[in-house]
Amino acid sequence: PAEQFKYPLKMNVDDRGSFTELLHTLDCGQV
């Protein structure tokens, strides 16, 4: 359904900025 085209990602935020994992794979690590 169209409302699932977008989904949230967990932003790890501190006073330096943020770090957000986008994608994990079984054999090629993460982005």
PDB file of all heavy atoms in Angstrom:
ATOM      1  N   PRO A   1       0.844  -1.204   0.000  1.00  0.00           N
ATOM      2  CA  PRO A   1       0.000   0.000   0.000  1.00  0.00           C
ATOM      3  C   PRO A   1       0.872   1.243   0.000  1.00  0.00           C
ATOM      4  O   PRO A   1       2.007   1.223   0.505  1.00  0.00           O
ATOM      5  CB  PRO A   1      -0.792  -0.140   1.312  1.00  0.00           C
ATOM      6  CG  PRO A   1       0.001  -1.058   2.175  1.00  0.00           C
ATOM      7  CD  PRO A   1       0.728  -1.987   1.244  1.00  0.00           C
ATOM      8  N   ALA A   2       0.365   2.320  -0.567  1.00  0.00           N
ATOM      9  CA  ALA A   2       1.173   3.520  -0.775  1.00  0.00           C
ATOM     10  C   ALA A   2       1.777   4.047   0.518  1.00  0.00           C
ATOM     11  O   ALA A   2       2.896   4.581   0.518  1.00  0.00           O
ATOM     12  CB  ALA A   2       0.330   4.602  -1.447  1.00  0.00           C
ATOM     13  N   GLU A   3       1.072   3.891   1.628  1.00  0.00           N
ATOM     14  CA  GLU A   3       1.587   4.426   2.887  1.00  0.00           C
ATOM     15  C   GLU A   3       2.824   3.667   3.372  1.00  0.00           C
ATOM     16  O   GLU A   3       3.531   4.134   4.270  1.00  0.00           O
ATOM     17  CB  GLU A   3       0.512   4.400   3.976  1.00  0.00           C
ATOM     18  CG  GLU A   3      -0.053   3.040   4.320  1.00  0.00           C
ATOM     19  CD  GLU A   3      -1.282   2.693   3.501  1.00  0.00           C
ATOM     20  OE1 GLU A   3      -1.479   3.306   2.424  1.00  0.00           O
ATOM     21  OE2 GLU A   3      -2.058   1.826   3.956  1.00  0.00           O
ATOM     22  N   GLN A   4       3.101   2.502   2.781  1.00  0.00           N
ATOM     23  CA  GLN A   4       4.299   1.751   3.157  1.00  0.00           C
ATOM     24  C   GLN A   4       5.471   1.991   2.204  1.00  0.00           C
ATOM     25  O   GLN A   4       6.531   1.391   2.371  1.00  0.00           O
ATOM     26  CB  GLN A   4       3.987   0.255   3.231  1.00  0.00           C
ATOM     27  CG  GLN A   4       3.095  -0.133   4.392  1.00  0.00           C
ATOM     28  CD  GLN A   4       2.954  -1.642   4.529  1.00  0.00           C
ATOM     29  OE1 GLN A   4       3.887  -2.401   4.269  1.00  0.00           O
ATOM     30  NE2 GLN A   4       1.781  -2.086   4.924  1.00  0.00           N
ATOM     31  N   PHE A   5       5.293   2.846   1.218  1.00  0.00           N
ATOM     32  CA  PHE A   5       6.420   3.177   0.341  1.00  0.00           C
ATOM     33  C   PHE A   5       7.551   3.821   1.155  1.00  0.00           C
ATOM     34  O   PHE A   5       8.723   3.677   0.822  1.00  0.00           O
ATOM     35  CB  PHE A   5       5.992   4.134  -0.762  1.00  0.00           C
ATOM     36  CG  PHE A   5       5.102   3.530  -1.820  1.00  0.00           C
ATOM     37  CD1 PHE A   5       4.591   2.250  -1.706  1.00  0.00           C
ATOM     38  CD2 PHE A   5       4.750   4.265  -2.947  1.00  0.00           C
ATOM     39  CE1 PHE A   5       3.774   1.701  -2.683  1.00  0.00           C
ATOM     40  CE2 PHE A   5       3.931   3.722  -3.937  1.00  0.00           C
ATOM     41  CZ  PHE A   5       3.439   2.444  -3.792  1.00  0.00           C
ATOM     42  N   LYS A   6       7.180   4.543   2.195  1.00  0.00           N
ATOM     43  CA  LYS A   6       8.143   5.221   3.071  1.00  0.00           C
ATOM     44  C   LYS A   6       8.174   4.511   4.417  1.00  0.00           C
ATOM     45  O   LYS A   6       7.138   4.087   4.921  1.00  0.00           O
ATOM     46  CB  LYS A   6       7.741   6.682   3.253  1.00  0.00           C
ATOM     47  CG  LYS A   6       8.655   7.490   4.169  1.00  0.00           C
ATOM     48  CD  LYS A   6       8.178   8.922   4.313  1.00  0.00           C
ATOM     49  CE  LYS A   6       6.942   8.996   5.210  1.00  0.00           C
ATOM     50  NZ  LYS A   6       6.587  10.402   5.552  1.00  0.00           N
ATOM     51  N   TYR A   7       9.369   4.348   4.998  1.00  0.00           N
ATOM     52  CA  TYR A   7       9.448   3.777   6.333  1.00  0.00           C
ATOM     53  C   TYR A   7      10.563   4.473   7.110  1.00  0.00           C
ATOM     54  O   TYR A   7      11.536   4.967   6.550  1.00  0.00           O
ATOM     55  CB  TYR A   7       9.665   2.258   6.293  1.00  0.00           C
ATOM     56  CG  TYR A   7      10.902   1.784   5.578  1.00  0.00           C
ATOM     57  CD1 TYR A   7      12.114   1.613   6.261  1.00  0.00           C
ATOM     58  CD2 TYR A   7      10.875   1.482   4.220  1.00  0.00           C
ATOM     59  CE1 TYR A   7      13.248   1.160   5.621  1.00  0.00           C
ATOM     60  CE2 TYR A   7      12.015   1.018   3.562  1.00  0.00           C
ATOM     61  CZ  TYR A   7      13.189   0.862   4.267  1.00  0.00           C
ATOM     62  OH  TYR A   7      14.313   0.411   3.626  1.00  0.00           O
ATOM     63  N   PRO A   8      10.429   4.551   8.451  1.00  0.00           N
ATOM     64  CA  PRO A   8      11.396   5.297   9.253  1.00  0.00           C
ATOM     65  C   PRO A   8      12.689   4.510   9.465  1.00  0.00           C
ATOM     66  O   PRO A   8      12.707   3.278   9.432  1.00  0.00           O
ATOM     67  CB  PRO A   8      10.662   5.495  10.582  1.00  0.00           C
ATOM     68  CG  PRO A   8       9.756   4.299  10.678  1.00  0.00           C
ATOM     69  CD  PRO A   8       9.325   4.004   9.263  1.00  0.00           C
ATOM     70  N   LEU A   9      13.766   5.234   9.689  1.00  0.00           N
ATOM     71  CA  LEU A   9      15.051   4.659  10.053  1.00  0.00           C
ATOM     72  C   LEU A   9      15.470   5.226  11.402  1.00  0.00           C
ATOM     73  O   LEU A   9      15.117   6.355  11.751  1.00  0.00           O
ATOM     74  CB  LEU A   9      16.106   4.989   8.998  1.00  0.00           C
ATOM     75  CG  LEU A   9      15.867   4.401   7.606  1.00  0.00           C
ATOM     76  CD1 LEU A   9      16.809   5.045   6.597  1.00  0.00           C
ATOM     77  CD2 LEU A   9      16.048   2.894   7.615  1.00  0.00           C
ATOM     78  N   LYS A  10      16.221   4.442  12.163  1.00  0.00           N
ATOM     79  CA  LYS A  10      16.650   4.877  13.492  1.00  0.00           C
ATOM     80  C   LYS A  10      17.874   5.783  13.378  1.00  0.00           C
ATOM     81  O   LYS A  10      18.949   5.340  12.978  1.00  0.00           O
ATOM     82  CB  LYS A  10      16.974   3.671  14.368  1.00  0.00           C
ATOM     83  CG  LYS A  10      17.404   4.063  15.776  1.00  0.00           C
ATOM     84  CD  LYS A  10      17.844   2.845  16.582  1.00  0.00           C
ATOM     85  CE  LYS A  10      18.339   3.276  17.958  1.00  0.00           C
ATOM     86  NZ  LYS A  10      18.856   2.130  18.743  1.00  0.00           N
ATOM     87  N   MET A  11      17.687   7.054  13.743  1.00  0.00           N
ATOM     88  CA  MET A  11      18.795   7.996  13.760  1.00  0.00           C
ATOM     89  C   MET A  11      19.413   8.013  15.154  1.00  0.00           C
ATOM     90  O   MET A  11      18.723   8.255  16.146  1.00  0.00           O
ATOM     91  CB  MET A  11      18.319   9.401  13.388  1.00  0.00           C
ATOM     92  CG  MET A  11      17.814   9.546  11.972  1.00  0.00           C
ATOM     93  SD  MET A  11      17.264  11.236  11.603  1.00  0.00           S
ATOM     94  CE  MET A  11      18.819  12.153  11.724  1.00  0.00           C
ATOM     95  N   ASN A  12      20.715   7.716  15.233  1.00  0.00           N
ATOM     96  CA  ASN A  12      21.443   7.793  16.502  1.00  0.00           C
ATOM     97  C   ASN A  12      22.035   9.201  16.593  1.00  0.00           C
ATOM     98  O   ASN A  12      23.008   9.515  15.900  1.00  0.00           O
ATOM     99  CB  ASN A  12      22.532   6.728  16.543  1.00  0.00           C
ATOM    100  CG  ASN A  12      21.953   5.327  16.403  1.00  0.00           C
ATOM    101  OD1 ASN A  12      21.316   4.824  17.314  1.00  0.00           O
ATOM    102  ND2 ASN A  12      22.155   4.711  15.242  1.00  0.00           N
ATOM    103  N   VAL A  13      21.411  10.035  17.432  1.00  0.00           N
ATOM    104  CA  VAL A  13      21.719  11.468  17.451  1.00  0.00           C
ATOM    105  C   VAL A  13      22.435  11.831  18.748  1.00  0.00           C
ATOM    106  O   VAL A  13      22.059  11.390  19.844  1.00  0.00           O
ATOM    107  CB  VAL A  13      20.419  12.291  17.314  1.00  0.00           C
ATOM    108  CG1 VAL A  13      20.737  13.786  17.322  1.00  0.00           C
ATOM    109  CG2 VAL A  13      19.668  11.900  16.046  1.00  0.00           C
ATOM    110  N   ASP A  14      23.490  12.645  18.632  1.00  0.00           N
ATOM    111  CA  ASP A  14      24.122  13.258  19.800  1.00  0.00           C
ATOM    112  C   ASP A  14      24.561  14.669  19.418  1.00  0.00           C
ATOM    113  O   ASP A  14      24.198  15.162  18.338  1.00  0.00           O
ATOM    114  CB  ASP A  14      25.282  12.411  20.335  1.00  0.00           C
ATOM    115  CG  ASP A  14      26.381  12.184  19.305  1.00  0.00           C
ATOM    116  OD1 ASP A  14      26.495  12.989  18.350  1.00  0.00           O
ATOM    117  OD2 ASP A  14      27.140  11.200  19.432  1.00  0.00           O
ATOM    118  N   ASP A  15      25.333  15.308  20.290  1.00  0.00           N
ATOM    119  CA  ASP A  15      25.692  16.701  20.012  1.00  0.00           C
ATOM    120  C   ASP A  15      26.682  16.840  18.862  1.00  0.00           C
ATOM    121  O   ASP A  15      26.968  17.950  18.403  1.00  0.00           O
ATOM    122  CB  ASP A  15      26.228  17.382  21.270  1.00  0.00           C
ATOM    123  CG  ASP A  15      27.437  16.675  21.870  1.00  0.00           C
ATOM    124  OD1 ASP A  15      27.887  15.647  21.286  1.00  0.00           O
ATOM    125  OD2 ASP A  15      27.935  17.122  22.915  1.00  0.00           O
ATOM    126  N   ARG A  16      27.215  15.724  18.357  1.00  0.00           N
ATOM    127  CA  ARG A  16      28.143  15.774  17.224  1.00  0.00           C
ATOM    128  C   ARG A  16      27.417  15.690  15.879  1.00  0.00           C
ATOM    129  O   ARG A  16      27.981  16.019  14.846  1.00  0.00           O
ATOM    130  CB  ARG A  16      29.148  14.631  17.308  1.00  0.00           C
ATOM    131  CG  ARG A  16      29.987  14.629  18.579  1.00  0.00           C
ATOM    132  CD  ARG A  16      30.849  13.365  18.632  1.00  0.00           C
ATOM    133  NE  ARG A  16      30.024  12.171  18.569  1.00  0.00           N
ATOM    134  CZ  ARG A  16      30.473  10.958  18.227  1.00  0.00           C
ATOM    135  NH1 ARG A  16      31.744  10.815  17.890  1.00  0.00           N
ATOM    136  NH2 ARG A  16      29.657   9.923  18.213  1.00  0.00           N
ATOM    137  N   GLY A  17      26.168  15.183  15.914  1.00  0.00           N
ATOM    138  CA  GLY A  17      25.419  14.976  14.676  1.00  0.00           C
ATOM    139  C   GLY A  17      24.590  13.712  14.772  1.00  0.00           C
ATOM    140  O   GLY A  17      23.959  13.460  15.806  1.00  0.00           O
ATOM    141  N   SER A  18      24.623  12.892  13.733  1.00  0.00           N
ATOM    142  CA  SER A  18      23.828  11.657  13.747  1.00  0.00           C
ATOM    143  C   SER A  18      24.520  10.581  12.929  1.00  0.00           C
ATOM    144  O   SER A  18      25.366  10.863  12.070  1.00  0.00           O
ATOM    145  CB  SER A  18      22.417  11.906  13.204  1.00  0.00           C
ATOM    146  OG  SER A  18      22.465  12.230  11.822  1.00  0.00           O
ATOM    147  N   PHE A  19      24.112   9.330  13.223  1.00  0.00           N
ATOM    148  CA  PHE A  19      24.593   8.172  12.480  1.00  0.00           C
ATOM    149  C   PHE A  19      23.393   7.259  12.262  1.00  0.00           C
ATOM    150  O   PHE A  19      22.725   6.865  13.224  1.00  0.00           O
ATOM    151  CB  PHE A  19      25.701   7.448  13.252  1.00  0.00           C
ATOM    152  CG  PHE A  19      26.231   6.234  12.538  1.00  0.00           C
ATOM    153  CD1 PHE A  19      27.148   6.360  11.513  1.00  0.00           C
ATOM    154  CD2 PHE A  19      25.795   4.955  12.885  1.00  0.00           C
ATOM    155  CE1 PHE A  19      27.653   5.248  10.856  1.00  0.00           C
ATOM    156  CE2 PHE A  19      26.288   3.834  12.224  1.00  0.00           C
ATOM    157  CZ  PHE A  19      27.217   3.982  11.211  1.00  0.00           C
ATOM    158  N   THR A  20      23.113   6.921  10.996  1.00  0.00           N
ATOM    159  CA  THR A  20      21.917   6.143  10.667  1.00  0.00           C
ATOM    160  C   THR A  20      22.289   4.980   9.765  1.00  0.00           C
ATOM    161  O   THR A  20      22.858   5.181   8.681  1.00  0.00           O
ATOM    162  CB  THR A  20      20.875   7.028   9.953  1.00  0.00           C
ATOM    163  OG1 THR A  20      20.596   8.175  10.755  1.00  0.00           O
ATOM    164  CG2 THR A  20      19.589   6.251   9.704  1.00  0.00           C
ATOM    165  N   GLU A  21      21.966   3.764  10.215  1.00  0.00           N
ATOM    166  CA  GLU A  21      22.177   2.585   9.383  1.00  0.00           C
ATOM    167  C   GLU A  21      21.046   2.491   8.365  1.00  0.00           C
ATOM    168  O   GLU A  21      19.868   2.623   8.715  1.00  0.00           O
ATOM    169  CB  GLU A  21      22.231   1.323  10.248  1.00  0.00           C
ATOM    170  CG  GLU A  21      23.423   1.316  11.195  1.00  0.00           C
ATOM    171  CD  GLU A  21      23.464   0.072  12.066  1.00  0.00           C
ATOM    172  OE1 GLU A  21      22.523  -0.735  11.989  1.00  0.00           O
ATOM    173  OE2 GLU A  21      24.434  -0.087  12.836  1.00  0.00           O
ATOM    174  N   LEU A  22      21.399   2.273   7.109  1.00  0.00           N
ATOM    175  CA  LEU A  22      20.421   2.250   6.026  1.00  0.00           C
ATOM    176  C   LEU A  22      20.055   0.834   5.595  1.00  0.00           C
ATOM    177  O   LEU A  22      18.889   0.533   5.340  1.00  0.00           O
ATOM    178  CB  LEU A  22      20.951   3.010   4.805  1.00  0.00           C
ATOM    179  CG  LEU A  22      21.404   4.454   5.027  1.00  0.00           C
ATOM    180  CD1 LEU A  22      21.911   5.025   3.705  1.00  0.00           C
ATOM    181  CD2 LEU A  22      20.285   5.300   5.591  1.00  0.00           C
ATOM    182  N   LEU A  23      21.067  -0.032   5.499  1.00  0.00           N
ATOM    183  CA  LEU A  23      20.843  -1.346   4.902  1.00  0.00           C
ATOM    184  C   LEU A  23      21.871  -2.332   5.437  1.00  0.00           C
ATOM    185  O   LEU A  23      23.055  -2.023   5.531  1.00  0.00           O
ATOM    186  CB  LEU A  23      20.980  -1.241   3.372  1.00  0.00           C
ATOM    187  CG  LEU A  23      20.676  -2.490   2.552  1.00  0.00           C
ATOM    188  CD1 LEU A  23      19.187  -2.805   2.590  1.00  0.00           C
ATOM    189  CD2 LEU A  23      21.124  -2.292   1.103  1.00  0.00           C
ATOM    190  N   HIS A  24      21.370  -3.543   5.791  1.00  0.00           N
ATOM    191  CA  HIS A  24      22.252  -4.651   6.157  1.00  0.00           C
ATOM    192  C   HIS A  24      22.144  -5.737   5.098  1.00  0.00           C
ATOM    193  O   HIS A  24      21.071  -5.949   4.523  1.00  0.00           O
ATOM    194  CB  HIS A  24      21.832  -5.252   7.507  1.00  0.00           C
ATOM    195  CG  HIS A  24      22.031  -4.345   8.667  1.00  0.00           C
ATOM    196  ND1 HIS A  24      21.609  -4.662   9.943  1.00  0.00           N
ATOM    197  CD2 HIS A  24      22.616  -3.115   8.767  1.00  0.00           C
ATOM    198  CE1 HIS A  24      21.920  -3.684  10.771  1.00  0.00           C
ATOM    199  NE2 HIS A  24      22.521  -2.727  10.080  1.00  0.00           N
ATOM    200  N   THR A  25      23.241  -6.436   4.864  1.00  0.00           N
ATOM    201  CA  THR A  25      23.223  -7.575   3.948  1.00  0.00           C
ATOM    202  C   THR A  25      23.815  -8.790   4.659  1.00  0.00           C
ATOM    203  O   THR A  25      24.520  -8.661   5.662  1.00  0.00           O
ATOM    204  CB  THR A  25      24.019  -7.299   2.668  1.00  0.00           C
ATOM    205  OG1 THR A  25      25.412  -7.247   2.981  1.00  0.00           O
ATOM    206  CG2 THR A  25      23.587  -5.990   2.023  1.00  0.00           C
ATOM    207  N   LEU A  26      23.536  -9.974   4.119  1.00  0.00           N
ATOM    208  CA  LEU A  26      24.036 -11.204   4.719  1.00  0.00           C
ATOM    209  C   LEU A  26      25.525 -11.413   4.477  1.00  0.00           C
ATOM    210  O   LEU A  26      26.207 -12.030   5.296  1.00  0.00           O
ATOM    211  CB  LEU A  26      23.260 -12.406   4.174  1.00  0.00           C
ATOM    212  CG  LEU A  26      21.824 -12.553   4.672  1.00  0.00           C
ATOM    213  CD1 LEU A  26      21.084 -13.598   3.850  1.00  0.00           C
ATOM    214  CD2 LEU A  26      21.808 -12.924   6.152  1.00  0.00           C
ATOM    215  N   ASP A  27      26.037 -10.899   3.364  1.00  0.00           N
ATOM    216  CA  ASP A  27      27.424 -11.213   3.024  1.00  0.00           C
ATOM    217  C   ASP A  27      28.238 -10.027   2.525  1.00  0.00           C
ATOM    218  O   ASP A  27      29.404 -10.199   2.158  1.00  0.00           O
ATOM    219  CB  ASP A  27      27.469 -12.323   1.972  1.00  0.00           C
ATOM    220  CG  ASP A  27      26.661 -11.990   0.726  1.00  0.00           C
ATOM    221  OD1 ASP A  27      26.003 -10.940   0.705  1.00  0.00           O
ATOM    222  OD2 ASP A  27      26.689 -12.787  -0.225  1.00  0.00           O
ATOM    223  N   CYS A  28      27.647  -8.839   2.522  1.00  0.00           N
ATOM    224  CA  CYS A  28      28.380  -7.665   2.034  1.00  0.00           C
ATOM    225  C   CYS A  28      28.362  -6.511   3.028  1.00  0.00           C
ATOM    226  O   CYS A  28      28.624  -5.364   2.660  1.00  0.00           O
ATOM    227  CB  CYS A  28      27.815  -7.200   0.687  1.00  0.00           C
ATOM    228  SG  CYS A  28      28.036  -8.398  -0.634  1.00  0.00           S
ATOM    229  N   GLY A  29      28.053  -6.790   4.291  1.00  0.00           N
ATOM    230  CA  GLY A  29      28.112  -5.757   5.305  1.00  0.00           C
ATOM    231  C   GLY A  29      26.924  -4.830   5.328  1.00  0.00           C
ATOM    232  O   GLY A  29      25.787  -5.259   5.098  1.00  0.00           O
ATOM    233  N   GLN A  30      27.174  -3.548   5.584  1.00  0.00           N
ATOM    234  CA  GLN A  30      26.098  -2.583   5.759  1.00  0.00           C
ATOM    235  C   GLN A  30      26.448  -1.249   5.125  1.00  0.00           C
ATOM    236  O   GLN A  30      27.606  -0.973   4.808  1.00  0.00           O
ATOM    237  CB  GLN A  30      25.789  -2.385   7.240  1.00  0.00           C
ATOM    238  CG  GLN A  30      26.878  -1.695   8.031  1.00  0.00           C
ATOM    239  CD  GLN A  30      26.488  -1.497   9.498  1.00  0.00           C
ATOM    240  OE1 GLN A  30      26.040  -2.418  10.173  1.00  0.00           O
ATOM    241  NE2 GLN A  30      26.669  -0.271   9.990  1.00  0.00           N
ATOM    242  N   VAL A  31      25.409  -0.433   4.954  1.00  0.00           N
ATOM    243  CA  VAL A  31      25.550   0.928   4.431  1.00  0.00           C
ATOM    244  C   VAL A  31      24.896   1.875   5.428  1.00  0.00           C
ATOM    245  O   VAL A  31      23.784   1.602   5.925  1.00  0.00           O
ATOM    246  CB  VAL A  31      24.894   1.081   3.042  1.00  0.00           C
ATOM    247  CG1 VAL A  31      25.095   2.505   2.517  1.00  0.00           C
ATOM    248  CG2 VAL A  31      25.465   0.067   2.063  1.00  0.00           C
TER     249      VAL A  31
END
